[in-house]
PDB file of N, CA and C in Angstrom:
ATOM      1  N   MET A   1       0.846  -1.183   0.000  1.00  0.00           N
ATOM      2  CA  MET A   1       0.000   0.000   0.000  1.00  0.00           C
ATOM      3  C   MET A   1       0.884   1.237   0.000  1.00  0.00           C
ATOM      4  N   ALA A   2       0.442   2.279  -0.700  1.00  0.00           N
ATOM      5  CA  ALA A   2       1.215   3.507  -0.797  1.00  0.00           C
ATOM      6  C   ALA A   2       1.244   4.227   0.542  1.00  0.00           C
ATOM      7  N   ASN A   3       2.294   4.972   0.756  1.00  0.00           N
ATOM      8  CA  ASN A   3       2.424   5.789   1.958  1.00  0.00           C
ATOM      9  C   ASN A   3       1.473   6.968   1.847  1.00  0.00           C
ATOM     10  N   ALA A   4       0.702   7.267   2.897  1.00  0.00           N
ATOM     11  CA  ALA A   4      -0.247   8.376   2.873  1.00  0.00           C
ATOM     12  C   ALA A   4      -0.001   9.284   4.062  1.00  0.00           C
ATOM     13  N   THR A   5      -0.079  10.588   3.843  1.00  0.00           N
ATOM     14  CA  THR A   5       0.127  11.576   4.886  1.00  0.00           C
ATOM     15  C   THR A   5      -1.055  12.524   4.899  1.00  0.00           C
ATOM     16  N   SER A   6      -1.717  12.682   6.058  1.00  0.00           N
ATOM     17  CA  SER A   6      -2.860  13.580   6.165  1.00  0.00           C
ATOM     18  C   SER A   6      -2.410  15.034   6.124  1.00  0.00           C
ATOM     19  N   THR A   7      -3.306  15.876   5.604  1.00  0.00           N
ATOM     20  CA  THR A   7      -3.061  17.315   5.590  1.00  0.00           C
ATOM     21  C   THR A   7      -4.225  18.004   6.275  1.00  0.00           C
ATOM     22  N   ASP A   8      -4.088  19.300   6.533  1.00  0.00           N
ATOM     23  CA  ASP A   8      -5.163  20.065   7.176  1.00  0.00           C
ATOM     24  C   ASP A   8      -6.294  20.402   6.214  1.00  0.00           C
ATOM     25  N   THR A   9      -6.159  20.081   4.955  1.00  0.00           N
ATOM     26  CA  THR A   9      -7.169  20.419   3.953  1.00  0.00           C
ATOM     27  C   THR A   9      -8.223  19.342   3.766  1.00  0.00           C
ATOM     28  N   GLY A  10      -8.121  18.250   4.516  1.00  0.00           N
ATOM     29  CA  GLY A  10      -9.044  17.142   4.326  1.00  0.00           C
ATOM     30  C   GLY A  10      -8.605  16.222   3.207  1.00  0.00           C
ATOM     31  N   ARG A  11      -7.466  16.473   2.664  1.00  0.00           N
ATOM     32  CA  ARG A  11      -6.898  15.625   1.622  1.00  0.00           C
ATOM     33  C   ARG A  11      -5.768  14.808   2.216  1.00  0.00           C
ATOM     34  N   VAL A  12      -5.365  13.789   1.502  1.00  0.00           N
ATOM     35  CA  VAL A  12      -4.269  12.930   1.937  1.00  0.00           C
ATOM     36  C   VAL A  12      -3.230  12.898   0.829  1.00  0.00           C
ATOM     37  N   ALA A  13      -1.987  13.129   1.183  1.00  0.00           N
ATOM     38  CA  ALA A  13      -0.901  13.041   0.213  1.00  0.00           C
ATOM     39  C   ALA A  13      -0.484  11.584   0.109  1.00  0.00           C
ATOM     40  N   VAL A  14      -0.347  11.093  -1.121  1.00  0.00           N
ATOM     41  CA  VAL A  14       0.012   9.704  -1.362  1.00  0.00           C
ATOM     42  C   VAL A  14       1.270   9.673  -2.216  1.00  0.00           C
ATOM     43  N   ASN A  15       2.239   8.886  -1.807  1.00  0.00           N
ATOM     44  CA  ASN A  15       3.456   8.723  -2.590  1.00  0.00           C
ATOM     45  C   ASN A  15       3.289   7.536  -3.530  1.00  0.00           C
ATOM     46  N   VAL A  16       3.535   7.771  -4.813  1.00  0.00           N
ATOM     47  CA  VAL A  16       3.467   6.697  -5.800  1.00  0.00           C
ATOM     48  C   VAL A  16       4.719   6.729  -6.659  1.00  0.00           C
ATOM     49  N   ASP A  17       5.072   5.594  -7.208  1.00  0.00           N
ATOM     50  CA  ASP A  17       6.214   5.501  -8.110  1.00  0.00           C
ATOM     51  C   ASP A  17       5.712   5.551  -9.543  1.00  0.00           C
ATOM     52  N   LEU A  18       6.215   6.509 -10.299  1.00  0.00           N
ATOM     53  CA  LEU A  18       5.869   6.633 -11.714  1.00  0.00           C
ATOM     54  C   LEU A  18       7.151   6.529 -12.519  1.00  0.00           C
ATOM     55  N   SER A  19       7.048   5.989 -13.701  1.00  0.00           N
ATOM     56  CA  SER A  19       8.220   5.947 -14.563  1.00  0.00           C
ATOM     57  C   SER A  19       8.561   7.375 -14.998  1.00  0.00           C
ATOM     58  N   VAL A  20       9.804   7.578 -15.347  1.00  0.00           N
ATOM     59  CA  VAL A  20      10.240   8.888 -15.814  1.00  0.00           C
ATOM     60  C   VAL A  20       9.450   9.278 -17.058  1.00  0.00           C
ATOM     61  N   GLY A  21       9.234   8.319 -17.946  1.00  0.00           N
ATOM     62  CA  GLY A  21       8.487   8.595 -19.164  1.00  0.00           C
ATOM     63  C   GLY A  21       7.064   9.047 -18.884  1.00  0.00           C
ATOM     64  N   LEU A  22       6.395   8.389 -17.948  1.00  0.00           N
ATOM     65  CA  LEU A  22       5.028   8.762 -17.611  1.00  0.00           C
ATOM     66  C   LEU A  22       5.001  10.154 -16.993  1.00  0.00           C
ATOM     67  N   LEU A  23       5.925  10.440 -16.105  1.00  0.00           N
ATOM     68  CA  LEU A  23       5.977  11.751 -15.472  1.00  0.00           C
ATOM     69  C   LEU A  23       6.262  12.842 -16.503  1.00  0.00           C
ATOM     70  N   GLU A  24       7.107  12.555 -17.468  1.00  0.00           N
ATOM     71  CA  GLU A  24       7.368  13.529 -18.527  1.00  0.00           C
ATOM     72  C   GLU A  24       6.109  13.806 -19.340  1.00  0.00           C
ATOM     73  N   ARG A  25       5.344  12.762 -19.630  1.00  0.00           N
ATOM     74  CA  ARG A  25       4.090  12.935 -20.368  1.00  0.00           C
ATOM     75  C   ARG A  25       3.105  13.789 -19.572  1.00  0.00           C
ATOM     76  N   ILE A  26       3.011  13.518 -18.279  1.00  0.00           N
ATOM     77  CA  ILE A  26       2.125  14.301 -17.409  1.00  0.00           C
ATOM     78  C   ILE A  26       2.568  15.754 -17.398  1.00  0.00           C
ATOM     79  N   ASP A  27       3.859  15.982 -17.252  1.00  0.00           N
ATOM     80  CA  ASP A  27       4.374  17.348 -17.202  1.00  0.00           C
ATOM     81  C   ASP A  27       4.154  18.095 -18.517  1.00  0.00           C
ATOM     82  N   ARG A  28       4.306  17.404 -19.650  1.00  0.00           N
ATOM     83  CA  ARG A  28       4.050  18.055 -20.951  1.00  0.00           C
ATOM     84  C   ARG A  28       2.590  18.466 -21.056  1.00  0.00           C
ATOM     85  N   LEU A  29       1.700  17.562 -20.639  1.00  0.00           N
ATOM     86  CA  LEU A  29       0.277  17.880 -20.689  1.00  0.00           C
ATOM     87  C   LEU A  29      -0.051  19.022 -19.721  1.00  0.00           C
ATOM     88  N   ALA A  30       0.532  18.984 -18.547  1.00  0.00           N
ATOM     89  CA  ALA A  30       0.306  20.050 -17.564  1.00  0.00           C
ATOM     90  C   ALA A  30       0.740  21.396 -18.126  1.00  0.00           C
ATOM     91  N   GLU A  31       1.890  21.410 -18.740  1.00  0.00           N
ATOM     92  CA  GLU A  31       2.400  22.667 -19.303  1.00  0.00           C
ATOM     93  C   GLU A  31       1.524  23.164 -20.449  1.00  0.00           C
ATOM     94  N   SER A  32       1.101  22.268 -21.315  1.00  0.00           N
ATOM     95  CA  SER A  32       0.325  22.693 -22.482  1.00  0.00           C
ATOM     96  C   SER A  32      -1.103  23.092 -22.127  1.00  0.00           C
ATOM     97  N   THR A  33      -1.628  22.581 -21.013  1.00  0.00           N
ATOM     98  CA  THR A  33      -3.010  22.892 -20.631  1.00  0.00           C
ATOM     99  C   THR A  33      -3.110  23.917 -19.509  1.00  0.00           C
ATOM    100  N   GLY A  34      -1.992  24.192 -18.846  1.00  0.00           N
ATOM    101  CA  GLY A  34      -2.029  25.127 -17.723  1.00  0.00           C
ATOM    102  C   GLY A  34      -2.612  24.525 -16.462  1.00  0.00           C
ATOM    103  N   VAL A  35      -2.688  23.213 -16.419  1.00  0.00           N
ATOM    104  CA  VAL A  35      -3.207  22.499 -15.253  1.00  0.00           C
ATOM    105  C   VAL A  35      -2.013  21.931 -14.494  1.00  0.00           C
ATOM    106  N   THR A  36      -2.089  21.903 -13.183  1.00  0.00           N
ATOM    107  CA  THR A  36      -0.963  21.397 -12.411  1.00  0.00           C
ATOM    108  C   THR A  36      -0.828  19.890 -12.556  1.00  0.00           C
ATOM    109  N   ARG A  37       0.371  19.415 -12.308  1.00  0.00           N
ATOM    110  CA  ARG A  37       0.652  17.969 -12.320  1.00  0.00           C
ATOM    111  C   ARG A  37      -0.285  17.259 -11.347  1.00  0.00           C
ATOM    112  N   VAL A  38      -0.446  17.811 -10.157  1.00  0.00           N
ATOM    113  CA  VAL A  38      -1.292  17.196  -9.131  1.00  0.00           C
ATOM    114  C   VAL A  38      -2.740  17.103  -9.607  1.00  0.00           C
ATOM    115  N   ALA A  39      -3.235  18.183 -10.212  1.00  0.00           N
ATOM    116  CA  ALA A  39      -4.619  18.185 -10.680  1.00  0.00           C
ATOM    117  C   ALA A  39      -4.826  17.148 -11.779  1.00  0.00           C
ATOM    118  N   LEU A  40      -3.863  17.013 -12.684  1.00  0.00           N
ATOM    119  CA  LEU A  40      -3.975  16.005 -13.742  1.00  0.00           C
ATOM    120  C   LEU A  40      -4.004  14.599 -13.175  1.00  0.00           C
ATOM    121  N   ILE A  41      -3.115  14.318 -12.244  1.00  0.00           N
ATOM    122  CA  ILE A  41      -3.059  12.976 -11.648  1.00  0.00           C
ATOM    123  C   ILE A  41      -4.338  12.692 -10.873  1.00  0.00           C
ATOM    124  N   ARG A  42      -4.810  13.672 -10.095  1.00  0.00           N
ATOM    125  CA  ARG A  42      -6.045  13.487  -9.321  1.00  0.00           C
ATOM    126  C   ARG A  42      -7.213  13.192 -10.259  1.00  0.00           C
ATOM    127  N   GLN A  43      -7.326  13.965 -11.358  1.00  0.00           N
ATOM    128  CA  GLN A  43      -8.427  13.758 -12.303  1.00  0.00           C
ATOM    129  C   GLN A  43      -8.339  12.383 -12.961  1.00  0.00           C
ATOM    130  N   ALA A  44      -7.121  11.962 -13.303  1.00  0.00           N
ATOM    131  CA  ALA A  44      -6.945  10.644 -13.923  1.00  0.00           C
ATOM    132  C   ALA A  44      -7.400   9.539 -12.975  1.00  0.00           C
ATOM    133  N   VAL A  45      -7.049   9.663 -11.706  1.00  0.00           N
ATOM    134  CA  VAL A  45      -7.455   8.642 -10.723  1.00  0.00           C
ATOM    135  C   VAL A  45      -8.972   8.653 -10.557  1.00  0.00           C
ATOM    136  N   GLU A  46      -9.563   9.840 -10.437  1.00  0.00           N
ATOM    137  CA  GLU A  46     -11.016   9.932 -10.297  1.00  0.00           C
ATOM    138  C   GLU A  46     -11.733   9.332 -11.506  1.00  0.00           C
ATOM    139  N   ASP A  47     -11.254   9.652 -12.707  1.00  0.00           N
ATOM    140  CA  ASP A  47     -11.871   9.111 -13.924  1.00  0.00           C
ATOM    141  C   ASP A  47     -11.761   7.591 -13.975  1.00  0.00           C
ATOM    142  N   LEU A  48     -10.599   7.069 -13.624  1.00  0.00           N
ATOM    143  CA  LEU A  48     -10.396   5.620 -13.624  1.00  0.00           C
ATOM    144  C   LEU A  48     -11.333   4.939 -12.628  1.00  0.00           C
ATOM    145  N   LEU A  49     -11.468   5.507 -11.437  1.00  0.00           N
ATOM    146  CA  LEU A  49     -12.358   4.921 -10.431  1.00  0.00           C
ATOM    147  C   LEU A  49     -13.815   4.950 -10.894  1.00  0.00           C
ATOM    148  N   GLU A  50     -14.243   6.069 -11.476  1.00  0.00           N
ATOM    149  CA  GLU A  50     -15.621   6.152 -11.971  1.00  0.00           C
ATOM    150  C   GLU A  50     -15.872   5.102 -13.043  1.00  0.00           C
ATOM    151  N   ASP A  51     -14.935   4.949 -13.962  1.00  0.00           N
ATOM    152  CA  ASP A  51     -15.082   3.938 -15.012  1.00  0.00           C
ATOM    153  C   ASP A  51     -15.147   2.534 -14.419  1.00  0.00           C
ATOM    154  N   ALA A  52     -14.260   2.243 -13.467  1.00  0.00           N
ATOM    155  CA  ALA A  52     -14.231   0.914 -12.845  1.00  0.00           C
ATOM    156  C   ALA A  52     -15.531   0.645 -12.092  1.00  0.00           C
ATOM    157  N   GLU A  53     -16.056   1.662 -11.403  1.00  0.00           N
ATOM    158  CA  GLU A  53     -17.325   1.486 -10.683  1.00  0.00           C
ATOM    159  C   GLU A  53     -18.476   1.250 -11.657  1.00  0.00           C
ATOM    160  N   ASP A  54     -18.496   1.992 -12.765  1.00  0.00           N
ATOM    161  CA  ASP A  54     -19.537   1.793 -13.773  1.00  0.00           C
ATOM    162  C   ASP A  54     -19.473   0.383 -14.361  1.00  0.00           C
ATOM    163  N   ILE A  55     -18.279  -0.075 -14.631  1.00  0.00           N
ATOM    164  CA  ILE A  55     -18.098  -1.432 -15.166  1.00  0.00           C
ATOM    165  C   ILE A  55     -18.585  -2.474 -14.164  1.00  0.00           C
ATOM    166  N   ALA A  56     -18.252  -2.285 -12.888  1.00  0.00           N
ATOM    167  CA  ALA A  56     -18.673  -3.237 -11.856  1.00  0.00           C
ATOM    168  C   ALA A  56     -20.197  -3.304 -11.759  1.00  0.00           C
ATOM    169  N   VAL A  57     -20.861  -2.155 -11.831  1.00  0.00           N
ATOM    170  CA  VAL A  57     -22.328  -2.131 -11.783  1.00  0.00           C
ATOM    171  C   VAL A  57     -22.902  -2.829 -13.013  1.00  0.00           C
ATOM    172  N   SER A  58     -22.334  -2.536 -14.173  1.00  0.00           N
ATOM    173  CA  SER A  58     -22.816  -3.161 -15.409  1.00  0.00           C
ATOM    174  C   SER A  58     -22.646  -4.674 -15.366  1.00  0.00           C
ATOM    175  N   GLU A  59     -21.491  -5.130 -14.911  1.00  0.00           N
ATOM    176  CA  GLU A  59     -21.252  -6.572 -14.833  1.00  0.00           C
ATOM    177  C   GLU A  59     -22.189  -7.237 -13.842  1.00  0.00           C
ATOM    178  N   ALA A  60     -22.465  -6.570 -12.725  1.00  0.00           N
ATOM    179  CA  ALA A  60     -23.387  -7.135 -11.736  1.00  0.00           C
ATOM    180  C   ALA A  60     -24.797  -7.226 -12.312  1.00  0.00           C
ATOM    181  N   ARG A  61     -25.197  -6.201 -13.051  1.00  0.00           N
ATOM    182  CA  ARG A  61     -26.533  -6.226 -13.661  1.00  0.00           C
ATOM    183  C   ARG A  61     -26.633  -7.318 -14.714  1.00  0.00           C
ATOM    184  N   LEU A  62     -25.588  -7.496 -15.502  1.00  0.00           N
ATOM    185  CA  LEU A  62     -25.599  -8.548 -16.522  1.00  0.00           C
ATOM    186  C   LEU A  62     -25.631  -9.934 -15.898  1.00  0.00           C
ATOM    187  N   ALA A  63     -25.010 -10.075 -14.740  1.00  0.00           N
ATOM    188  CA  ALA A  63     -24.964 -11.371 -14.069  1.00  0.00           C
ATOM    189  C   ALA A  63     -26.278 -11.691 -13.351  1.00  0.00           C
ATOM    190  N   ASP A  64     -27.120 -10.683 -13.113  1.00  0.00           N
ATOM    191  CA  ASP A  64     -28.386 -10.870 -12.411  1.00  0.00           C
ATOM    192  C   ASP A  64     -29.473 -11.212 -13.424  1.00  0.00           C
ATOM    193  N   ALA A  65     -29.858 -12.461 -13.457  1.00  0.00           N
ATOM    194  CA  ALA A  65     -30.853 -12.933 -14.432  1.00  0.00           C
ATOM    195  C   ALA A  65     -32.215 -12.267 -14.238  1.00  0.00           C
ATOM    196  N   GLU A  66     -32.493 -11.773 -13.043  1.00  0.00           N
ATOM    197  CA  GLU A  66     -33.791 -11.153 -12.770  1.00  0.00           C
ATOM    198  C   GLU A  66     -33.802  -9.655 -13.042  1.00  0.00           C
ATOM    199  N   ASP A  67     -32.673  -9.094 -13.367  1.00  0.00           N
ATOM    200  CA  ASP A  67     -32.601  -7.671 -13.670  1.00  0.00           C
ATOM    201  C   ASP A  67     -32.974  -7.477 -15.137  1.00  0.00           C
ATOM    202  N   PRO A  68     -34.080  -6.772 -15.403  1.00  0.00           N
ATOM    203  CA  PRO A  68     -34.507  -6.637 -16.797  1.00  0.00           C
ATOM    204  C   PRO A  68     -33.511  -5.809 -17.608  1.00  0.00           C
ATOM    205  N   LEU A  69     -33.304  -6.231 -18.846  1.00  0.00           N
ATOM    206  CA  LEU A  69     -32.419  -5.484 -19.733  1.00  0.00           C
ATOM    207  C   LEU A  69     -33.167  -4.286 -20.295  1.00  0.00           C
ATOM    208  N   VAL A  70     -32.478  -3.180 -20.464  1.00  0.00           N
ATOM    209  CA  VAL A  70     -33.059  -1.971 -21.035  1.00  0.00           C
ATOM    210  C   VAL A  70     -32.734  -1.971 -22.520  1.00  0.00           C
ATOM    211  N   PRO A  71     -33.745  -1.818 -23.364  1.00  0.00           N
ATOM    212  CA  PRO A  71     -33.468  -1.766 -24.811  1.00  0.00           C
ATOM    213  C   PRO A  71     -32.515  -0.614 -25.148  1.00  0.00           C
ATOM    214  N   TRP A  72     -31.666  -0.833 -26.149  1.00  0.00           N
ATOM    215  CA  TRP A  72     -30.661   0.157 -26.520  1.00  0.00           C
ATOM    216  C   TRP A  72     -31.294   1.525 -26.808  1.00  0.00           C
ATOM    217  N   GLU A  73     -32.458   1.553 -27.409  1.00  0.00           N
ATOM    218  CA  GLU A  73     -33.120   2.791 -27.751  1.00  0.00           C
ATOM    219  C   GLU A  73     -33.466   3.616 -26.500  1.00  0.00           C
ATOM    220  N   GLN A  74     -33.682   2.951 -25.387  1.00  0.00           N
ATOM    221  CA  GLN A  74     -34.021   3.645 -24.137  1.00  0.00           C
ATOM    222  C   GLN A  74     -32.773   4.019 -23.345  1.00  0.00           C
ATOM    223  N   ALA A  75     -31.664   3.448 -23.678  1.00  0.00           N
ATOM    224  CA  ALA A  75     -30.436   3.709 -22.898  1.00  0.00           C
ATOM    225  C   ALA A  75     -29.913   5.102 -23.096  1.00  0.00           C
TER     226      ALA A  75
END
């Protein structure tokens, strides 16, 4: 598990290991968009978690034989 340090802002600082190449890509994007490295990483983690949660719900619904399927036109 990553090392985490509490702050007074209600956030927790987490230490993670990133490859130099990945960090360079993040920094290039940060520079070109004017968004901080921290904000980009936080958004990426949030987006990944939302996607994973959506997938988990979808898989659970597909596995539930009693859960009615919604026609594509209604989705």
